[in-house]
Amino acid sequence: MTDLSANHHDSIRAVLWQGDHLRLLDQRRLPFEETYVDCASADDVAGAIRDLVVRGAPAIGIAAAWGVVLAARKDPDRLDDAWALLRAARPTAVNLMWALDRMRRVGTDVDALAREAQAIQDEDLAANRRMGELGAALLGDGAGVLTHCNTGSLATAGYGTALGVIRAGFAAGRIARVYAGETRPWLQGARLTVWELLRDGIPATLIADSAASHLMKTGAVQWVVVGADRIAANGDTANKIGTYQLAIAARHHGVKFMVVAPSSTVDMATAEGDDIDIELRSPDELLGYGGRRTVVEGAQAWNPVFDVTPASLIDAIVTERGVVERPDAARMADVFRRH
């Protein structure tokens, strides 16, 4: 039986409500500095989301929910302004819109809004532990797993989505090896995932993004396990840029491909991946790092931060509602139209 207790390979919380303000672990400073940013207004929260102080689709949604609480504490008559501000912070992750829509249905009472934000956070943690159990059961024994970006406690209420599966699989003795791609240009895999796993006692090996196909060819990996920022009604999945090429390589090498995300990431109103708005960020993120330019002046860059993996390349989508194997529109509808 997998041990999914709160303290088992799970010690990090990145989104912390302090009663009158929101405290966020500044993920831009990791792994070398564990510092926090305190947000006293919806404006502060929107800025933290936009500037990647907090990132990961579930964590963004949770932070935005608390941003609504802060706005209501300041002026409940101006909540429409706060909702618009927070919705515009990141366009691709559907959890942000889902959380804000859920908060909007509550009304303007501050105490009721705070209870709803706490419920969103608590439900996410419970969903992650359930997904970890379901996903780990698919791995078999002695699996090598490759993950991309960061999908752990830093990106959620705790435990994680794809990293939740890795946590549960490691605790159950099903995982022999964990590899993490560096995840350019913000290096979430190198800076965050490796830090998070090692901190919680799970050995992890970092690889360059461009080494993934070669790693698969060696036979060291049996599963690619990733998160998602939006899943369309047909199973097409938007995730961190670089995910699509991993899915292509996995199919070529006979490696299984798993997407792990809460049901709030599933957007049944979006028919297919081509309908998903892909966020473009500043070219400066590719032209330098840490405030220092690394590319010659005059060079141009294209910086989409997500791509879409077709459902045909996905072996399983794992949510807290269950596992959708070989996803397509009919199988997705069978699980998500019932609720």
Protein backbone atom coordinates (compact mmCIF):
# COMPACT_ATOMS: atom_id res chain seq x y z
CA MET A 1 0.00 0.00 0.00
CA THR A 2 1.42 3.38 -0.98
CA ASP A 3 2.07 5.71 1.96
CA LEU A 4 0.43 8.99 1.00
CA SER A 5 0.68 10.67 4.39
CA ALA A 6 1.21 14.41 4.39
CA ASN A 7 4.83 14.12 5.53
CA HIS A 8 5.96 11.36 3.19
CA HIS A 9 8.30 12.88 0.56
CA ASP A 10 6.21 16.03 0.82
CA SER A 11 7.49 18.95 2.89
CA ILE A 12 7.11 22.04 0.67
CA ARG A 13 4.29 24.60 0.58
CA ALA A 14 4.64 27.51 -1.84
CA VAL A 15 1.29 29.32 -1.33
CA LEU A 16 0.60 30.34 2.27
CA TRP A 17 -2.41 32.35 3.48
CA GLN A 18 -1.40 34.42 6.52
CA GLY A 19 -4.81 35.71 7.60
CA ASP A 20 -4.42 39.20 6.18
CA HIS A 21 -1.97 38.67 3.31
CA LEU A 22 -0.71 35.98 0.95
CA ARG A 23 2.87 34.72 1.25
CA LEU A 24 4.45 33.15 -1.84
CA LEU A 25 7.73 31.26 -2.04
CA ASP A 26 9.69 33.21 -4.67
CA GLN A 27 10.41 30.56 -7.27
CA ARG A 28 12.65 32.91 -9.26
CA ARG A 29 15.25 32.72 -6.48
CA LEU A 30 15.38 28.96 -6.05
CA PRO A 31 17.40 26.83 -5.49
CA PHE A 32 19.89 29.14 -3.81
CA GLU A 33 17.55 31.44 -1.86
CA GLU A 34 14.37 30.43 -0.06
CA THR A 35 12.73 33.83 0.16
CA TYR A 36 9.08 34.85 0.25
CA VAL A 37 7.04 37.61 -1.35
CA ASP A 38 4.14 39.00 0.68
CA CYS A 39 1.09 40.12 -1.31
CA ALA A 40 -1.34 42.55 0.31
CA SER A 41 -3.59 43.22 -2.69
CA ALA A 42 -4.99 41.65 -5.85
CA ASP A 43 -2.55 43.89 -7.72
CA ASP A 44 0.35 42.27 -5.86
CA VAL A 45 -0.95 38.78 -6.59
CA ALA A 46 -1.45 39.51 -10.31
CA GLY A 47 2.09 40.85 -10.50
CA ALA A 48 3.47 37.77 -8.73
CA ILE A 49 1.65 35.49 -11.19
CA ARG A 50 2.78 37.51 -14.21
CA ASP A 51 6.41 37.70 -13.01
CA LEU A 52 6.63 33.97 -12.15
CA VAL A 53 7.05 34.41 -8.41
CA VAL A 54 4.34 31.74 -8.35
CA ARG A 55 3.92 29.38 -11.30
CA GLY A 56 2.28 26.07 -12.14
CA ALA A 57 -1.36 26.00 -13.21
CA PRO A 58 -2.93 24.82 -9.91
CA ALA A 59 -0.80 27.16 -7.78
CA ILE A 60 -1.69 30.09 -10.03
CA GLY A 61 -5.38 29.34 -9.55
CA ILE A 62 -5.00 29.07 -5.78
CA ALA A 63 -3.03 32.31 -5.58
CA ALA A 64 -5.64 34.09 -7.70
CA ALA A 65 -8.41 32.87 -5.39
CA TRP A 66 -6.63 34.44 -2.43
CA GLY A 67 -6.12 37.56 -4.56
CA VAL A 68 -9.91 37.87 -4.77
CA VAL A 69 -10.09 37.62 -0.97
CA LEU A 70 -7.56 40.45 -0.66
CA ALA A 71 -9.58 42.55 -3.11
CA ALA A 72 -12.78 41.94 -1.18
CA ARG A 73 -11.11 42.93 2.09
CA LYS A 74 -10.07 46.23 0.50
CA ASP A 75 -13.24 47.13 -1.44
CA PRO A 76 -15.92 44.51 -2.22
CA ASP A 77 -17.61 46.94 -4.61
CA ARG A 78 -14.62 46.80 -6.97
CA LEU A 79 -14.26 43.04 -7.32
CA ASP A 80 -14.91 43.23 -11.08
CA ASP A 81 -11.64 45.15 -11.45
CA ALA A 82 -9.78 42.49 -9.47
CA TRP A 83 -11.24 39.63 -11.50
CA ALA A 84 -10.22 41.30 -14.76
CA LEU A 85 -6.74 42.04 -13.48
CA LEU A 86 -6.13 38.51 -12.24
CA ARG A 87 -7.59 36.84 -15.37
CA ALA A 88 -5.17 38.78 -17.57
CA ALA A 89 -2.08 37.72 -15.61
CA ARG A 90 -1.51 34.44 -17.56
CA PRO A 91 -3.76 33.41 -20.49
CA THR A 92 -3.00 29.70 -21.05
CA ALA A 93 -3.53 28.00 -17.69
CA VAL A 94 -7.26 27.27 -17.41
CA ASN A 95 -7.00 26.72 -13.63
CA LEU A 96 -6.69 30.48 -13.24
CA MET A 97 -10.01 31.11 -15.00
CA TRP A 98 -11.64 28.15 -13.25
CA ALA A 99 -10.66 29.38 -9.79
CA LEU A 100 -11.76 32.94 -10.50
CA ASP A 101 -15.11 31.77 -11.90
CA ARG A 102 -15.64 29.64 -8.81
CA MET A 103 -14.84 32.58 -6.54
CA ARG A 104 -17.16 34.86 -8.50
CA ARG A 105 -20.11 32.55 -7.83
CA VAL A 106 -19.63 33.05 -4.08
CA GLY A 107 -20.47 36.75 -4.15
CA THR A 108 -18.75 39.53 -2.22
CA ASP A 109 -18.81 38.41 1.42
CA VAL A 110 -15.18 38.31 2.60
CA ASP A 111 -15.58 35.39 4.99
CA ALA A 112 -17.39 33.29 2.38
CA LEU A 113 -14.71 34.10 -0.20
CA ALA A 114 -11.96 33.10 2.24
CA ARG A 115 -13.68 29.78 2.92
CA GLU A 116 -13.94 29.14 -0.83
CA ALA A 117 -10.28 29.96 -1.45
CA GLN A 118 -9.27 27.60 1.37
CA ALA A 119 -11.53 24.90 -0.10
CA ILE A 120 -9.88 25.30 -3.51
CA GLN A 121 -6.47 24.88 -1.89
CA ASP A 122 -7.49 21.90 0.28
CA GLU A 123 -9.23 20.14 -2.60
CA ASP A 124 -6.15 20.51 -4.80
CA LEU A 125 -3.94 18.83 -2.21
CA ALA A 126 -6.40 15.95 -1.85
CA ALA A 127 -6.67 15.61 -5.63
CA ASN A 128 -2.90 15.47 -5.98
CA ARG A 129 -2.60 12.61 -3.52
CA ARG A 130 -5.36 10.72 -5.33
CA MET A 131 -3.69 11.29 -8.71
CA GLY A 132 -0.39 10.15 -7.29
CA GLU A 133 -1.94 6.85 -6.28
CA LEU A 134 -3.70 6.35 -9.62
CA GLY A 135 -0.69 7.29 -11.72
CA ALA A 136 1.78 5.22 -9.71
CA ALA A 137 -0.38 2.14 -10.30
CA LEU A 138 0.24 2.48 -14.06
CA LEU A 139 4.03 2.49 -13.84
CA GLY A 140 4.76 -1.18 -13.30
CA ASP A 141 7.87 -2.07 -11.29
CA GLY A 142 11.39 -0.72 -11.58
CA ALA A 143 10.38 2.06 -13.94
CA GLY A 144 12.60 4.81 -15.22
CA VAL A 145 10.67 8.08 -15.39
CA LEU A 146 11.43 11.33 -17.20
CA THR A 147 9.60 14.52 -16.25
CA HIS A 148 9.58 18.04 -17.68
CA CYS A 149 9.25 21.47 -16.05
CA ASN A 150 8.07 21.50 -12.42
CA THR A 151 4.81 19.88 -11.38
CA GLY A 152 5.35 19.34 -7.69
CA SER A 153 4.52 21.06 -4.42
CA LEU A 154 5.88 24.30 -5.87
CA ALA A 155 3.29 24.24 -8.65
CA THR A 156 0.28 23.14 -6.58
CA ALA A 157 -1.17 23.20 -3.08
CA GLY A 158 1.31 20.44 -2.24
CA TYR A 159 2.47 16.94 -3.28
CA GLY A 160 2.14 17.74 -6.97
CA THR A 161 0.60 16.36 -10.16
CA ALA A 162 3.29 14.61 -12.21
CA LEU A 163 5.68 14.82 -9.26
CA GLY A 164 2.86 13.47 -7.10
CA VAL A 165 2.93 10.34 -9.25
CA ILE A 166 6.71 10.22 -8.85
CA ARG A 167 6.41 10.70 -5.08
CA ALA A 168 3.81 7.93 -4.79
CA GLY A 169 5.69 5.65 -7.17
CA PHE A 170 8.96 6.12 -5.31
CA ALA A 171 7.30 5.49 -1.94
CA ALA A 172 5.78 2.28 -3.32
CA GLY A 173 9.12 1.08 -4.72
CA ARG A 174 7.87 1.20 -8.31
CA ILE A 175 10.37 3.79 -9.59
CA ALA A 176 14.04 2.93 -10.04
CA ARG A 177 15.24 6.12 -11.73
CA VAL A 178 13.98 9.70 -12.07
CA TYR A 179 15.26 12.07 -14.75
CA ALA A 180 14.39 15.75 -15.02
CA GLY A 181 14.81 17.86 -18.15
CA GLU A 182 16.31 21.29 -17.49
CA THR A 183 13.32 23.10 -19.12
CA ARG A 184 14.63 26.17 -20.89
CA PRO A 185 14.43 29.13 -20.78
CA TRP A 186 13.47 29.46 -17.09
CA LEU A 187 15.15 26.17 -16.07
CA GLN A 188 12.23 25.04 -13.92
CA GLY A 189 13.43 21.45 -14.13
CA ALA A 190 17.00 22.27 -13.18
CA ARG A 191 16.24 24.91 -10.56
CA LEU A 192 12.98 23.67 -9.07
CA THR A 193 12.27 20.00 -9.78
CA VAL A 194 15.72 18.69 -8.87
CA TRP A 195 15.75 20.88 -5.73
CA GLU A 196 12.29 19.72 -4.71
CA LEU A 197 12.94 16.01 -5.25
CA LEU A 198 16.33 15.99 -3.51
CA ARG A 199 14.95 18.02 -0.61
CA ASP A 200 12.30 15.33 -0.10
CA GLY A 201 14.75 12.44 -0.40
CA ILE A 202 14.04 11.32 -3.97
CA PRO A 203 17.22 10.92 -6.09
CA ALA A 204 16.96 12.69 -9.46
CA THR A 205 19.28 13.03 -12.43
CA LEU A 206 19.25 16.24 -14.47
CA ILE A 207 19.54 16.09 -18.26
CA ALA A 208 19.76 18.76 -20.94
CA ASP A 209 16.45 19.10 -22.78
CA SER A 210 18.21 18.08 -25.98
CA ALA A 211 19.40 14.80 -24.40
CA ALA A 212 15.89 13.37 -23.93
CA SER A 213 15.68 11.36 -27.16
CA HIS A 214 19.12 9.87 -26.60
CA LEU A 215 18.12 8.94 -23.04
CA MET A 216 15.01 7.18 -24.32
CA LYS A 217 17.09 5.28 -26.87
CA THR A 218 19.26 3.82 -24.08
CA GLY A 219 16.21 2.12 -22.54
CA ALA A 220 16.61 3.92 -19.22
CA VAL A 221 13.12 5.43 -19.39
CA GLN A 222 9.79 3.61 -19.59
CA TRP A 223 7.49 6.58 -18.87
CA VAL A 224 7.42 10.29 -19.53
CA VAL A 225 5.23 11.86 -16.83
CA VAL A 226 4.23 15.52 -17.23
CA GLY A 227 1.64 17.98 -15.98
CA ALA A 228 -0.71 20.21 -17.97
CA ASP A 229 -1.90 23.79 -18.10
CA ARG A 230 -5.01 23.08 -20.17
CA ILE A 231 -6.56 19.86 -21.51
CA ALA A 232 -9.03 20.20 -24.37
CA ALA A 233 -12.23 18.17 -24.75
CA ASN A 234 -10.53 15.75 -27.16
CA GLY A 235 -7.53 15.16 -24.86
CA ASP A 236 -5.08 17.51 -26.60
CA THR A 237 -2.90 18.96 -23.87
CA ALA A 238 -1.08 22.26 -23.48
CA ASN A 239 1.98 22.10 -21.26
CA LYS A 240 5.39 23.72 -20.91
CA ILE A 241 7.21 24.27 -24.19
CA GLY A 242 9.19 21.15 -25.08
CA THR A 243 6.50 18.68 -24.01
CA TYR A 244 5.32 18.04 -27.56
CA GLN A 245 8.75 16.97 -28.77
CA LEU A 246 9.06 14.63 -25.77
CA ALA A 247 5.78 12.97 -26.76
CA ILE A 248 7.00 12.50 -30.34
CA ALA A 249 10.27 10.99 -29.14
CA ALA A 250 8.48 8.78 -26.64
CA ARG A 251 6.19 7.32 -29.28
CA HIS A 252 9.17 6.61 -31.57
CA HIS A 253 11.06 4.81 -28.78
CA GLY A 254 8.11 2.87 -27.34
CA VAL A 255 8.07 4.92 -24.14
CA LYS A 256 4.71 5.54 -22.47
CA PHE A 257 3.46 9.11 -22.05
CA MET A 258 1.35 10.18 -19.05
CA VAL A 259 -0.33 13.55 -18.38
CA VAL A 260 -1.29 14.24 -14.77
CA ALA A 261 -3.58 17.15 -13.90
CA PRO A 262 -6.61 17.90 -11.73
CA SER A 263 -10.05 17.99 -13.33
CA SER A 264 -9.95 21.80 -13.06
CA THR A 265 -7.34 21.71 -15.84
CA VAL A 266 -9.77 19.97 -18.19
CA ASP A 267 -11.56 22.53 -20.35
CA MET A 268 -14.49 20.82 -22.03
CA ALA A 269 -15.44 24.14 -23.62
CA THR A 270 -12.25 24.02 -25.70
CA ALA A 271 -12.78 21.44 -28.43
CA GLU A 272 -9.16 20.80 -29.43
CA GLY A 273 -5.62 21.95 -28.90
CA ASP A 274 -5.62 24.36 -31.84
CA ASP A 275 -8.17 26.45 -29.90
CA ILE A 276 -5.84 26.99 -26.92
CA ASP A 277 -4.29 30.43 -26.58
CA ILE A 278 -0.50 29.96 -26.37
CA GLU A 279 1.22 32.59 -24.28
CA LEU A 280 4.18 34.40 -25.83
CA ARG A 281 6.59 35.95 -23.35
CA SER A 282 9.36 38.48 -23.80
CA PRO A 283 12.21 37.49 -26.16
CA ASP A 284 14.55 38.79 -23.45
CA GLU A 285 13.99 35.53 -21.56
CA LEU A 286 15.87 33.73 -24.33
CA LEU A 287 18.44 36.44 -25.02
CA GLY A 288 19.89 36.37 -21.52
CA TYR A 289 19.69 34.80 -18.11
CA GLY A 290 19.81 36.24 -14.60
CA GLY A 291 19.87 39.77 -15.92
CA ARG A 292 22.94 39.15 -18.08
CA ARG A 293 22.69 39.06 -21.86
CA THR A 294 24.11 35.90 -23.45
CA VAL A 295 23.24 36.53 -27.12
CA VAL A 296 24.75 39.07 -29.50
CA GLU A 297 23.00 42.44 -29.80
CA GLY A 298 20.59 42.59 -32.73
CA ALA A 299 19.55 38.93 -32.45
CA GLN A 300 15.83 38.13 -32.39
CA ALA A 301 14.01 35.42 -30.44
CA TRP A 302 10.63 33.69 -30.44
CA ASN A 303 9.47 32.65 -26.98
CA PRO A 304 6.23 30.60 -26.76
CA VAL A 305 6.06 29.14 -23.27
CA PHE A 306 3.64 26.30 -23.98
CA ASP A 307 3.01 23.82 -26.77
CA VAL A 308 0.19 21.36 -27.45
CA THR A 309 0.62 17.59 -27.43
CA PRO A 310 -2.04 15.81 -29.53
CA ALA A 311 -4.16 13.27 -27.69
CA SER A 312 -2.96 10.62 -30.16
CA LEU A 313 0.50 10.76 -28.52
CA ILE A 314 -0.82 10.43 -24.95
CA ASP A 315 -1.19 7.00 -23.35
CA ALA A 316 -3.01 8.13 -20.21
CA ILE A 317 -4.49 11.28 -18.69
CA VAL A 318 -4.68 10.96 -14.91
CA THR A 319 -7.05 13.14 -12.88
CA GLU A 320 -8.57 12.71 -9.44
CA ARG A 321 -11.76 11.54 -11.20
CA GLY A 322 -9.96 8.62 -12.82
CA VAL A 323 -7.64 7.60 -15.64
CA VAL A 324 -8.47 8.21 -19.30
CA GLU A 325 -6.38 5.79 -21.34
CA ARG A 326 -5.79 6.51 -25.05
CA PRO A 327 -7.77 9.75 -24.72
CA ASP A 328 -10.12 10.99 -27.39
CA ALA A 329 -13.28 13.09 -27.39
CA ALA A 330 -15.56 10.16 -26.52
CA ARG A 331 -13.44 8.89 -23.63
CA MET A 332 -12.98 12.39 -22.26
CA ALA A 333 -16.74 13.02 -22.42
CA ASP A 334 -17.43 9.76 -20.63
CA VAL A 335 -15.46 10.98 -17.59
CA PHE A 336 -15.98 14.74 -17.61
CA ARG A 337 -19.52 15.21 -18.96
CA ARG A 338 -20.88 13.13 -16.09
CA HIS A 339 -19.94 15.78 -13.51
